Amino acid sequence: MDETLRERLAADEALADAAAVVLDRAESGDGTVSWTDVSGAVPAEQWGRLLESEVLVATDAGFVVDDPDAVRAVVDDRDAAGSEVSDAADSADADDDADAGCWSAADKLAGVAALGLMASYQVPVARDTIGSTADIFLGPVEAALPFGATIALLAVATTVVSTTLRRRLMDGNPQEAAQERLQTVKERLDAARERGDDEAVERLQSRQQELMLEQLGAMKRMVRPMVYAMLVTVPVFLWITWLTVNPAAAITPAAQVLPIAGRVVWTAKLVGPLQVWTVWYIACSILSNVAGKRVAKRVGPKISNYRSVV
């Protein structure tokens, strides 16, 4: 393996991860590896790059790593560097925790407010107060639209707000990224155990623990946008609940005819405490969320390409 390729492998984390998995699978067997052996751990794109860069070469018996000692040296050097950097990264993670685990005063206030709103479900006085206040803003909407359309509109609106907050307050899906890195390390750890490399096992176990902590931190970061979203979704639920149980505000029809279900009583219970309007709200939220993700997948690359051109 020439020096240029070693530098490329050292600089490209995704390619190095793929090379490490392929090397581990090859060394745990007869020295050869095939796509079926690693398809669950190595993306097809990276497998193709390994072949293109000649890290993997084809033989009569199968694919083999062209220079396994050089690949192992690059992987070990990267793991060692990762262990050294982890101490420095701990300080960066501490800064991240300041944003994720140790929330700001505004985040804590939002969390307390969200818990208070959820607790108000069980306090009729608080529920009626919040419901009557929200009715000042939502009442005209409900008066202009059928109750089912109002529920659908609110479900879509709260889904849009939640999605926007998640995108603004959280960069991508940190938990998914941490899970992918954890799965890669697990594959390498299993291979190291099979070949009896105690040093690699110890190093990878340490890395696995670090990634588990990162995954915990990612979960904390995912909670933050949920707290702010609850400040919108919970009052909406409280208002609908207040509207359906408050006789003075019962301008909502007791029943409505839907295309498939026929005549529906919105306050009827379907499963346990779930009423018809609750199920309708959840269904509209799920559908709008799925539709939003599909639109984002189609529009996102076009926007990125436009920005790169501009």
C-alpha atoms as a PDB file:
ATOM      1  CA  MET A   1       0.000   0.000   0.000  1.00  0.00           C
ATOM      2  CA  ASP A   2       1.597   3.276  -1.084  1.00  0.00           C
ATOM      3  CA  GLU A   3       1.968   6.258   1.215  1.00  0.00           C
ATOM      4  CA  THR A   4      -0.743   8.246  -0.585  1.00  0.00           C
ATOM      5  CA  LEU A   5      -3.279   5.507  -0.041  1.00  0.00           C
ATOM      6  CA  ARG A   6      -2.307   5.190   3.620  1.00  0.00           C
ATOM      7  CA  GLU A   7      -2.800   8.909   4.090  1.00  0.00           C
ATOM      8  CA  ARG A   8      -6.168   8.697   2.371  1.00  0.00           C
ATOM      9  CA  LEU A   9      -7.213   5.808   4.549  1.00  0.00           C
ATOM     10  CA  ALA A  10      -6.076   7.642   7.681  1.00  0.00           C
ATOM     11  CA  ALA A  11      -7.961  10.789   6.681  1.00  0.00           C
ATOM     12  CA  ASP A  12     -11.194   9.095   5.573  1.00  0.00           C
ATOM     13  CA  GLU A  13     -13.010   7.772   8.653  1.00  0.00           C
ATOM     14  CA  ALA A  14     -15.759   5.999   6.715  1.00  0.00           C
ATOM     15  CA  LEU A  15     -13.284   4.220   4.450  1.00  0.00           C
ATOM     16  CA  ALA A  16     -11.083   3.296   7.403  1.00  0.00           C
ATOM     17  CA  ASP A  17     -14.078   1.859   9.269  1.00  0.00           C
ATOM     18  CA  ALA A  18     -14.976  -0.243   6.234  1.00  0.00           C
ATOM     19  CA  ALA A  19     -11.370  -1.408   5.859  1.00  0.00           C
ATOM     20  CA  ALA A  20     -11.229  -2.341   9.548  1.00  0.00           C
ATOM     21  CA  VAL A  21     -14.388  -4.453   9.324  1.00  0.00           C
ATOM     22  CA  VAL A  22     -13.211  -6.169   6.133  1.00  0.00           C
ATOM     23  CA  LEU A  23      -9.788  -6.890   7.655  1.00  0.00           C
ATOM     24  CA  ASP A  24     -11.338  -8.295  10.836  1.00  0.00           C
ATOM     25  CA  ARG A  25     -13.626 -10.589   8.849  1.00  0.00           C
ATOM     26  CA  ALA A  26     -10.749 -11.751   6.660  1.00  0.00           C
ATOM     27  CA  GLU A  27      -8.431 -12.460   9.613  1.00  0.00           C
ATOM     28  CA  SER A  28     -11.168 -14.316  11.489  1.00  0.00           C
ATOM     29  CA  GLY A  29     -11.495 -16.713   8.545  1.00  0.00           C
ATOM     30  CA  ASP A  30      -9.143 -18.014   5.875  1.00  0.00           C
ATOM     31  CA  GLY A  31      -7.839 -14.585   4.880  1.00  0.00           C
ATOM     32  CA  THR A  32     -10.442 -13.975   2.199  1.00  0.00           C
ATOM     33  CA  VAL A  33     -13.647 -11.997   2.365  1.00  0.00           C
ATOM     34  CA  SER A  34     -16.707 -11.556   0.179  1.00  0.00           C
ATOM     35  CA  TRP A  35     -19.436  -8.945  -0.010  1.00  0.00           C
ATOM     36  CA  THR A  36     -21.924 -11.265   1.681  1.00  0.00           C
ATOM     37  CA  ASP A  37     -19.598 -11.546   4.684  1.00  0.00           C
ATOM     38  CA  VAL A  38     -19.676  -7.820   5.396  1.00  0.00           C
ATOM     39  CA  SER A  39     -22.868  -6.554   3.740  1.00  0.00           C
ATOM     40  CA  GLY A  40     -24.514  -6.023   7.118  1.00  0.00           C
ATOM     41  CA  ALA A  41     -21.696  -3.827   8.418  1.00  0.00           C
ATOM     42  CA  VAL A  42     -20.140  -2.154   5.359  1.00  0.00           C
ATOM     43  CA  PRO A  43     -22.180   0.068   3.003  1.00  0.00           C
ATOM     44  CA  ALA A  44     -22.060  -0.920  -0.650  1.00  0.00           C
ATOM     45  CA  GLU A  45     -20.522   2.458  -1.502  1.00  0.00           C
ATOM     46  CA  GLN A  46     -17.574   1.853   0.840  1.00  0.00           C
ATOM     47  CA  TRP A  47     -17.098  -1.691  -0.488  1.00  0.00           C
ATOM     48  CA  GLY A  48     -16.828  -0.239  -3.971  1.00  0.00           C
ATOM     49  CA  ARG A  49     -14.326   2.380  -2.782  1.00  0.00           C
ATOM     50  CA  LEU A  50     -12.189  -0.338  -1.190  1.00  0.00           C
ATOM     51  CA  LEU A  51     -12.043  -2.132  -4.527  1.00  0.00           C
ATOM     52  CA  GLU A  52     -11.438   1.080  -6.464  1.00  0.00           C
ATOM     53  CA  SER A  53      -8.584   2.131  -4.188  1.00  0.00           C
ATOM     54  CA  GLU A  54      -7.157  -1.422  -4.341  1.00  0.00           C
ATOM     55  CA  VAL A  55      -7.278  -1.899  -0.592  1.00  0.00           C
ATOM     56  CA  LEU A  56      -9.145  -5.052  -1.603  1.00  0.00           C
ATOM     57  CA  VAL A  57      -7.932  -7.120  -4.545  1.00  0.00           C
ATOM     58  CA  ALA A  58      -9.589 -10.049  -6.236  1.00  0.00           C
ATOM     59  CA  THR A  59      -7.973 -13.504  -6.244  1.00  0.00           C
ATOM     60  CA  ASP A  60      -9.094 -16.939  -7.341  1.00  0.00           C
ATOM     61  CA  ALA A  61     -10.136 -17.758  -3.764  1.00  0.00           C
ATOM     62  CA  GLY A  62     -11.938 -14.450  -3.163  1.00  0.00           C
ATOM     63  CA  PHE A  63     -11.129 -10.900  -2.150  1.00  0.00           C
ATOM     64  CA  VAL A  64      -8.127 -10.288   0.083  1.00  0.00           C
ATOM     65  CA  VAL A  65      -6.705  -7.198   1.740  1.00  0.00           C
ATOM     66  CA  ASP A  66      -3.718  -6.143  -0.354  1.00  0.00           C
ATOM     67  CA  ASP A  67      -1.571  -4.990   2.576  1.00  0.00           C
ATOM     68  CA  PRO A  68      -3.187  -6.161   5.845  1.00  0.00           C
ATOM     69  CA  ASP A  69      -0.270  -4.997   8.008  1.00  0.00           C
ATOM     70  CA  ALA A  70      -0.535  -1.450   6.660  1.00  0.00           C
ATOM     71  CA  VAL A  71      -4.321  -1.386   7.107  1.00  0.00           C
ATOM     72  CA  ARG A  72      -3.984  -2.709  10.652  1.00  0.00           C
ATOM     73  CA  ALA A  73      -1.340  -0.063  11.397  1.00  0.00           C
ATOM     74  CA  VAL A  74      -3.597   2.730  10.119  1.00  0.00           C
ATOM     75  CA  VAL A  75      -6.574   1.414  12.103  1.00  0.00           C
ATOM     76  CA  ASP A  76      -4.536   0.980  15.283  1.00  0.00           C
ATOM     77  CA  ASP A  77      -2.992   4.438  14.909  1.00  0.00           C
ATOM     78  CA  ARG A  78      -6.447   5.946  14.467  1.00  0.00           C
ATOM     79  CA  ASP A  79      -7.801   4.112  17.516  1.00  0.00           C
ATOM     80  CA  ALA A  80      -4.819   5.218  19.572  1.00  0.00           C
ATOM     81  CA  ALA A  81      -5.288   8.789  18.384  1.00  0.00           C
ATOM     82  CA  GLY A  82      -8.969   8.513  19.200  1.00  0.00           C
ATOM     83  CA  SER A  83      -8.102   7.445  22.736  1.00  0.00           C
ATOM     84  CA  GLU A  84      -5.758  10.412  23.120  1.00  0.00           C
ATOM     85  CA  VAL A  85      -8.277  12.777  21.617  1.00  0.00           C
ATOM     86  CA  SER A  86     -11.034  11.421  23.848  1.00  0.00           C
ATOM     87  CA  ASP A  87      -9.573  13.269  26.820  1.00  0.00           C
ATOM     88  CA  ALA A  88      -9.636  16.497  24.866  1.00  0.00           C
ATOM     89  CA  ALA A  89     -13.042  15.558  23.507  1.00  0.00           C
ATOM     90  CA  ASP A  90     -14.298  15.153  27.054  1.00  0.00           C
ATOM     91  CA  SER A  91     -13.920  18.877  27.550  1.00  0.00           C
ATOM     92  CA  ALA A  92     -15.793  19.449  24.284  1.00  0.00           C
ATOM     93  CA  ASP A  93     -18.413  16.948  25.411  1.00  0.00           C
ATOM     94  CA  ALA A  94     -18.632  18.851  28.667  1.00  0.00           C
ATOM     95  CA  ASP A  95     -19.400  21.954  26.622  1.00  0.00           C
ATOM     96  CA  ASP A  96     -21.992  19.973  24.710  1.00  0.00           C
ATOM     97  CA  ASP A  97     -23.431  18.789  27.992  1.00  0.00           C
ATOM     98  CA  ALA A  98     -23.689  22.404  29.005  1.00  0.00           C
ATOM     99  CA  ASP A  99     -26.037  22.780  26.041  1.00  0.00           C
ATOM    100  CA  ALA A 100     -27.633  19.324  26.329  1.00  0.00           C
ATOM    101  CA  GLY A 101     -27.456  17.923  29.872  1.00  0.00           C
ATOM    102  CA  CYS A 102     -26.895  21.148  31.845  1.00  0.00           C
ATOM    103  CA  TRP A 103     -29.596  23.212  30.238  1.00  0.00           C
ATOM    104  CA  SER A 104     -29.686  26.984  30.284  1.00  0.00           C
ATOM    105  CA  ALA A 105     -32.038  28.866  32.581  1.00  0.00           C
ATOM    106  CA  ALA A 106     -34.509  29.277  29.691  1.00  0.00           C
ATOM    107  CA  ASP A 107     -34.422  25.517  28.985  1.00  0.00           C
ATOM    108  CA  LYS A 108     -35.051  24.687  32.632  1.00  0.00           C
ATOM    109  CA  LEU A 109     -37.904  27.185  32.792  1.00  0.00           C
ATOM    110  CA  ALA A 110     -39.424  25.647  29.678  1.00  0.00           C
ATOM    111  CA  GLY A 111     -39.083  22.178  31.226  1.00  0.00           C
ATOM    112  CA  VAL A 112     -40.829  23.253  34.424  1.00  0.00           C
ATOM    113  CA  ALA A 113     -43.592  24.924  32.404  1.00  0.00           C
ATOM    114  CA  ALA A 114     -44.059  21.778  30.289  1.00  0.00           C
ATOM    115  CA  LEU A 115     -44.332  19.594  33.409  1.00  0.00           C
ATOM    116  CA  GLY A 116     -46.802  22.061  34.895  1.00  0.00           C
ATOM    117  CA  LEU A 117     -48.931  21.944  31.763  1.00  0.00           C
ATOM    118  CA  MET A 118     -48.951  18.148  31.793  1.00  0.00           C
ATOM    119  CA  ALA A 119     -49.914  18.101  35.478  1.00  0.00           C
ATOM    120  CA  SER A 120     -52.820  20.458  34.759  1.00  0.00           C
ATOM    121  CA  TYR A 121     -54.581  17.593  32.960  1.00  0.00           C
ATOM    122  CA  GLN A 122     -55.452  16.236  36.409  1.00  0.00           C
ATOM    123  CA  VAL A 123     -56.431  19.625  37.882  1.00  0.00           C
ATOM    124  CA  PRO A 124     -59.842  20.760  36.570  1.00  0.00           C
ATOM    125  CA  VAL A 125     -59.347  24.383  37.621  1.00  0.00           C
ATOM    126  CA  ALA A 126     -55.999  24.656  35.833  1.00  0.00           C
ATOM    127  CA  ARG A 127     -57.322  22.783  32.800  1.00  0.00           C
ATOM    128  CA  ASP A 128     -60.335  25.088  32.518  1.00  0.00           C
ATOM    129  CA  THR A 129     -58.154  28.184  32.940  1.00  0.00           C
ATOM    130  CA  ILE A 130     -55.751  27.129  30.191  1.00  0.00           C
ATOM    131  CA  GLY A 131     -58.604  25.939  27.967  1.00  0.00           C
ATOM    132  CA  SER A 132     -60.588  29.169  28.275  1.00  0.00           C
ATOM    133  CA  THR A 133     -57.449  31.214  27.616  1.00  0.00           C
ATOM    134  CA  ALA A 134     -56.541  29.180  24.527  1.00  0.00           C
ATOM    135  CA  ASP A 135     -60.136  29.528  23.333  1.00  0.00           C
ATOM    136  CA  ILE A 136     -59.532  33.243  22.792  1.00  0.00           C
ATOM    137  CA  PHE A 137     -57.137  32.328  19.966  1.00  0.00           C
ATOM    138  CA  LEU A 138     -58.496  28.963  18.806  1.00  0.00           C
ATOM    139  CA  GLY A 139     -62.201  29.567  19.279  1.00  0.00           C
ATOM    140  CA  PRO A 140     -62.632  31.534  16.007  1.00  0.00           C
ATOM    141  CA  VAL A 141     -60.929  28.725  14.099  1.00  0.00           C
ATOM    142  CA  GLU A 142     -63.240  26.110  15.576  1.00  0.00           C
ATOM    143  CA  ALA A 143     -66.282  28.281  14.864  1.00  0.00           C
ATOM    144  CA  ALA A 144     -65.310  28.621  11.189  1.00  0.00           C
ATOM    145  CA  LEU A 145     -64.459  24.955  10.548  1.00  0.00           C
ATOM    146  CA  PRO A 146     -66.050  21.590  11.311  1.00  0.00           C
ATOM    147  CA  PHE A 147     -64.695  20.019  14.470  1.00  0.00           C
ATOM    148  CA  GLY A 148     -62.906  17.245  12.559  1.00  0.00           C
ATOM    149  CA  ALA A 149     -61.207  19.752  10.263  1.00  0.00           C
ATOM    150  CA  THR A 150     -60.173  21.816  13.279  1.00  0.00           C
ATOM    151  CA  ILE A 151     -58.557  18.771  14.886  1.00  0.00           C
ATOM    152  CA  ALA A 152     -56.735  17.917  11.647  1.00  0.00           C
ATOM    153  CA  LEU A 153     -55.520  21.495  11.227  1.00  0.00           C
ATOM    154  CA  LEU A 154     -54.203  21.637  14.787  1.00  0.00           C
ATOM    155  CA  ALA A 155     -52.510  18.245  14.397  1.00  0.00           C
ATOM    156  CA  VAL A 156     -50.686  19.409  11.273  1.00  0.00           C
ATOM    157  CA  ALA A 157     -49.762  22.747  12.893  1.00  0.00           C
ATOM    158  CA  THR A 158     -48.324  21.152  16.035  1.00  0.00           C
ATOM    159  CA  THR A 159     -46.399  18.621  13.926  1.00  0.00           C
ATOM    160  CA  VAL A 160     -44.874  21.432  11.875  1.00  0.00           C
ATOM    161  CA  VAL A 161     -43.925  23.319  15.044  1.00  0.00           C
ATOM    162  CA  SER A 162     -42.372  20.211  16.610  1.00  0.00           C
ATOM    163  CA  THR A 163     -40.415  19.388  13.445  1.00  0.00           C
ATOM    164  CA  THR A 164     -39.176  22.968  13.106  1.00  0.00           C
ATOM    165  CA  LEU A 165     -38.029  23.086  16.725  1.00  0.00           C
ATOM    166  CA  ARG A 166     -36.260  19.741  16.349  1.00  0.00           C
ATOM    167  CA  ARG A 167     -34.395  20.935  13.267  1.00  0.00           C
ATOM    168  CA  ARG A 168     -33.474  24.286  14.813  1.00  0.00           C
ATOM    169  CA  LEU A 169     -32.409  22.974  18.224  1.00  0.00           C
ATOM    170  CA  MET A 170     -30.834  19.682  17.183  1.00  0.00           C
ATOM    171  CA  ASP A 171     -28.286  18.996  14.447  1.00  0.00           C
ATOM    172  CA  GLY A 172     -29.489  15.948  12.536  1.00  0.00           C
ATOM    173  CA  ASN A 173     -30.139  12.772  14.537  1.00  0.00           C
ATOM    174  CA  PRO A 174     -27.260  12.453  17.030  1.00  0.00           C
ATOM    175  CA  GLN A 175     -28.651   9.266  18.555  1.00  0.00           C
ATOM    176  CA  GLU A 176     -28.771   7.520  15.181  1.00  0.00           C
ATOM    177  CA  ALA A 177     -25.212   8.607  14.371  1.00  0.00           C
ATOM    178  CA  ALA A 178     -23.979   7.398  17.767  1.00  0.00           C
ATOM    179  CA  GLN A 179     -25.806   4.090  17.257  1.00  0.00           C
ATOM    180  CA  GLU A 180     -24.113   3.566  13.882  1.00  0.00           C
ATOM    181  CA  ARG A 181     -20.658   4.190  15.373  1.00  0.00           C
ATOM    182  CA  LEU A 182     -21.486   1.857  18.261  1.00  0.00           C
ATOM    183  CA  GLN A 183     -22.529  -0.892  15.849  1.00  0.00           C
ATOM    184  CA  THR A 184     -19.267  -0.526  13.889  1.00  0.00           C
ATOM    185  CA  VAL A 185     -17.188  -0.812  17.059  1.00  0.00           C
ATOM    186  CA  LYS A 186     -19.233  -3.848  18.137  1.00  0.00           C
ATOM    187  CA  GLU A 187     -18.471  -5.587  14.829  1.00  0.00           C
ATOM    188  CA  ARG A 188     -14.757  -4.877  15.237  1.00  0.00           C
ATOM    189  CA  LEU A 189     -14.859  -5.992  18.871  1.00  0.00           C
ATOM    190  CA  ASP A 190     -16.430  -9.332  17.960  1.00  0.00           C
ATOM    191  CA  ALA A 191     -13.807  -9.875  15.270  1.00  0.00           C
ATOM    192  CA  ALA A 192     -10.981  -9.000  17.692  1.00  0.00           C
ATOM    193  CA  ARG A 193     -12.315 -11.530  20.202  1.00  0.00           C
ATOM    194  CA  GLU A 194     -12.496 -14.216  17.513  1.00  0.00           C
ATOM    195  CA  ARG A 195      -8.842 -13.750  16.535  1.00  0.00           C
ATOM    196  CA  GLY A 196      -7.749 -13.493  20.216  1.00  0.00           C
ATOM    197  CA  ASP A 197      -6.336  -9.958  20.027  1.00  0.00           C
ATOM    198  CA  ASP A 198      -6.567  -8.995  23.716  1.00  0.00           C
ATOM    199  CA  GLU A 199      -5.000  -5.572  23.186  1.00  0.00           C
ATOM    200  CA  ALA A 200      -7.540  -4.662  20.519  1.00  0.00           C
ATOM    201  CA  VAL A 201     -10.367  -6.044  22.671  1.00  0.00           C
ATOM    202  CA  GLU A 202      -9.369  -3.830  25.582  1.00  0.00           C
ATOM    203  CA  ARG A 203      -9.047  -0.768  23.348  1.00  0.00           C
ATOM    204  CA  LEU A 204     -12.363  -1.378  21.592  1.00  0.00           C
ATOM    205  CA  GLN A 205     -14.172  -2.039  24.869  1.00  0.00           C
ATOM    206  CA  SER A 206     -12.979   1.348  26.105  1.00  0.00           C
ATOM    207  CA  ARG A 207     -14.179   2.940  22.901  1.00  0.00           C
ATOM    208  CA  GLN A 208     -17.521   1.145  23.222  1.00  0.00           C
ATOM    209  CA  GLN A 209     -18.052   2.617  26.684  1.00  0.00           C
ATOM    210  CA  GLU A 210     -17.242   6.090  25.370  1.00  0.00           C
ATOM    211  CA  LEU A 211     -19.782   5.693  22.569  1.00  0.00           C
ATOM    212  CA  MET A 212     -22.429   4.510  25.030  1.00  0.00           C
ATOM    213  CA  LEU A 213     -21.904   7.725  26.988  1.00  0.00           C
ATOM    214  CA  GLU A 214     -22.155   9.676  23.738  1.00  0.00           C
ATOM    215  CA  GLN A 215     -25.435   7.918  22.993  1.00  0.00           C
ATOM    216  CA  LEU A 216     -26.750   8.925  26.418  1.00  0.00           C
ATOM    217  CA  GLY A 217     -25.757  12.518  25.699  1.00  0.00           C
ATOM    218  CA  ALA A 218     -27.520  12.298  22.337  1.00  0.00           C
ATOM    219  CA  MET A 219     -30.707  11.226  24.100  1.00  0.00           C
ATOM    220  CA  LYS A 220     -30.443  14.284  26.346  1.00  0.00           C
ATOM    221  CA  ARG A 221     -30.097  16.530  23.304  1.00  0.00           C
ATOM    222  CA  MET A 222     -33.218  14.986  21.793  1.00  0.00           C
ATOM    223  CA  VAL A 223     -35.283  15.843  24.896  1.00  0.00           C
ATOM    224  CA  ARG A 224     -34.615  19.590  24.658  1.00  0.00           C
ATOM    225  CA  PRO A 225     -36.712  20.294  21.504  1.00  0.00           C
ATOM    226  CA  MET A 226     -39.447  18.031  22.874  1.00  0.00           C
ATOM    227  CA  VAL A 227     -39.772  20.282  25.920  1.00  0.00           C
ATOM    228  CA  TYR A 228     -40.330  23.378  23.809  1.00  0.00           C
ATOM    229  CA  ALA A 229     -42.744  21.508  21.532  1.00  0.00           C
ATOM    230  CA  MET A 230     -44.815  20.525  24.576  1.00  0.00           C
ATOM    231  CA  LEU A 231     -45.394  24.213  25.310  1.00  0.00           C
ATOM    232  CA  VAL A 232     -47.482  24.234  22.121  1.00  0.00           C
ATOM    233  CA  THR A 233     -48.962  20.739  21.921  1.00  0.00           C
ATOM    234  CA  VAL A 234     -50.108  20.428  25.535  1.00  0.00           C
ATOM    235  CA  PRO A 235     -52.219  23.637  25.536  1.00  0.00           C
ATOM    236  CA  VAL A 236     -53.833  22.469  22.283  1.00  0.00           C
ATOM    237  CA  PHE A 237     -54.812  19.173  23.935  1.00  0.00           C
ATOM    238  CA  LEU A 238     -56.059  20.991  27.005  1.00  0.00           C
ATOM    239  CA  TRP A 239     -58.188  23.303  24.870  1.00  0.00           C
ATOM    240  CA  ILE A 240     -59.770  20.414  22.942  1.00  0.00           C
ATOM    241  CA  THR A 241     -60.444  18.564  26.196  1.00  0.00           C
ATOM    242  CA  TRP A 242     -61.966  21.693  27.732  1.00  0.00           C
ATOM    243  CA  LEU A 243     -64.075  22.229  24.617  1.00  0.00           C
ATOM    244  CA  THR A 244     -65.553  18.719  24.693  1.00  0.00           C
ATOM    245  CA  VAL A 245     -66.399  18.632  28.409  1.00  0.00           C
ATOM    246  CA  ASN A 246     -67.405  22.227  29.104  1.00  0.00           C
ATOM    247  CA  PRO A 247     -71.167  22.605  28.516  1.00  0.00           C
ATOM    248  CA  ALA A 248     -70.894  26.397  28.241  1.00  0.00           C
ATOM    249  CA  ALA A 249     -68.489  26.048  25.310  1.00  0.00           C
ATOM    250  CA  ALA A 250     -70.109  23.029  23.695  1.00  0.00           C
ATOM    251  CA  ILE A 251     -70.590  24.616  20.290  1.00  0.00           C
ATOM    252  CA  THR A 252     -68.953  21.501  18.873  1.00  0.00           C
ATOM    253  CA  PRO A 253     -71.431  19.007  17.412  1.00  0.00           C
ATOM    254  CA  ALA A 254     -71.733  15.821  19.418  1.00  0.00           C
ATOM    255  CA  ALA A 255     -71.377  13.744  16.266  1.00  0.00           C
ATOM    256  CA  GLN A 256     -70.266  14.110  12.682  1.00  0.00           C
ATOM    257  CA  VAL A 257     -70.577  11.992   9.562  1.00  0.00           C
ATOM    258  CA  LEU A 258     -67.258  10.856   8.094  1.00  0.00           C
ATOM    259  CA  PRO A 259     -66.811   9.236   4.637  1.00  0.00           C
ATOM    260  CA  ILE A 260     -65.831   5.754   5.858  1.00  0.00           C
ATOM    261  CA  ALA A 261     -66.692   5.604   9.556  1.00  0.00           C
ATOM    262  CA  GLY A 262     -70.183   7.046   9.129  1.00  0.00           C
ATOM    263  CA  ARG A 263     -71.702   8.904  12.058  1.00  0.00           C
ATOM    264  CA  VAL A 264     -69.033   9.444  14.714  1.00  0.00           C
ATOM    265  CA  VAL A 265     -69.410  10.676  18.277  1.00  0.00           C
ATOM    266  CA  TRP A 266     -66.192  12.560  18.928  1.00  0.00           C
ATOM    267  CA  THR A 267     -66.206  11.970  22.680  1.00  0.00           C
ATOM    268  CA  ALA A 268     -66.830   8.224  22.399  1.00  0.00           C
ATOM    269  CA  LYS A 269     -64.081   6.043  23.834  1.00  0.00           C
ATOM    270  CA  LEU A 270     -62.380   3.582  21.501  1.00  0.00           C
ATOM    271  CA  VAL A 271     -59.570   1.966  23.530  1.00  0.00           C
ATOM    272  CA  GLY A 272     -59.310   2.675  27.240  1.00  0.00           C
ATOM    273  CA  PRO A 273     -59.345   6.434  27.825  1.00  0.00           C
ATOM    274  CA  LEU A 274     -58.685   7.239  24.138  1.00  0.00           C
ATOM    275  CA  GLN A 275     -61.585   9.103  22.611  1.00  0.00           C
ATOM    276  CA  VAL A 276     -62.421   9.357  18.923  1.00  0.00           C
ATOM    277  CA  TRP A 277     -61.047  12.890  18.609  1.00  0.00           C
ATOM    278  CA  THR A 278     -57.774  11.794  20.251  1.00  0.00           C
ATOM    279  CA  VAL A 279     -57.296   8.971  17.754  1.00  0.00           C
ATOM    280  CA  TRP A 280     -58.171  11.329  14.898  1.00  0.00           C
ATOM    281  CA  TYR A 281     -55.602  13.848  16.161  1.00  0.00           C
ATOM    282  CA  ILE A 282     -52.884  11.178  16.446  1.00  0.00           C
ATOM    283  CA  ALA A 283     -53.647   9.818  12.971  1.00  0.00           C
ATOM    284  CA  CYS A 284     -53.439  13.279  11.417  1.00  0.00           C
ATOM    285  CA  SER A 285     -50.163  13.961  13.246  1.00  0.00           C
ATOM    286  CA  ILE A 286     -48.607  10.721  12.000  1.00  0.00           C
ATOM    287  CA  LEU A 287     -49.717  11.296   8.417  1.00  0.00           C
ATOM    288  CA  SER A 288     -48.460  14.889   8.394  1.00  0.00           C
ATOM    289  CA  ASN A 289     -45.148  13.785   9.914  1.00  0.00           C
ATOM    290  CA  VAL A 290     -44.643  11.088   7.259  1.00  0.00           C
ATOM    291  CA  ALA A 291     -45.605  13.501   4.486  1.00  0.00           C
ATOM    292  CA  GLY A 292     -43.245  16.136   5.877  1.00  0.00           C
ATOM    293  CA  LYS A 293     -40.320  13.705   5.924  1.00  0.00           C
ATOM    294  CA  ARG A 294     -40.945  12.678   2.325  1.00  0.00           C
ATOM    295  CA  VAL A 295     -41.107  16.290   1.209  1.00  0.00           C
ATOM    296  CA  ALA A 296     -37.914  17.067   3.131  1.00  0.00           C
ATOM    297  CA  LYS A 297     -36.090  14.157   1.455  1.00  0.00           C
ATOM    298  CA  ARG A 298     -37.075  15.397  -1.985  1.00  0.00           C
ATOM    299  CA  VAL A 299     -36.652  19.118  -1.417  1.00  0.00           C
ATOM    300  CA  GLY A 300     -33.569  18.972   0.842  1.00  0.00           C
ATOM    301  CA  PRO A 301     -31.046  17.826  -1.821  1.00  0.00           C
ATOM    302  CA  LYS A 302     -32.411  20.364  -4.318  1.00  0.00           C
ATOM    303  CA  ILE A 303     -32.016  23.180  -1.808  1.00  0.00           C
ATOM    304  CA  SER A 304     -28.477  22.027  -0.997  1.00  0.00           C
ATOM    305  CA  ASN A 305     -27.566  21.917  -4.691  1.00  0.00           C
ATOM    306  CA  TYR A 306     -29.060  25.370  -5.227  1.00  0.00           C
ATOM    307  CA  ARG A 307     -27.098  26.791  -2.341  1.00  0.00           C
ATOM    308  CA  SER A 308     -23.872  25.189  -3.591  1.00  0.00           C
ATOM    309  CA  VAL A 309     -24.392  26.754  -7.030  1.00  0.00           C
ATOM    310  CA  VAL A 310     -25.238  30.164  -5.615  1.00  0.00           C
END
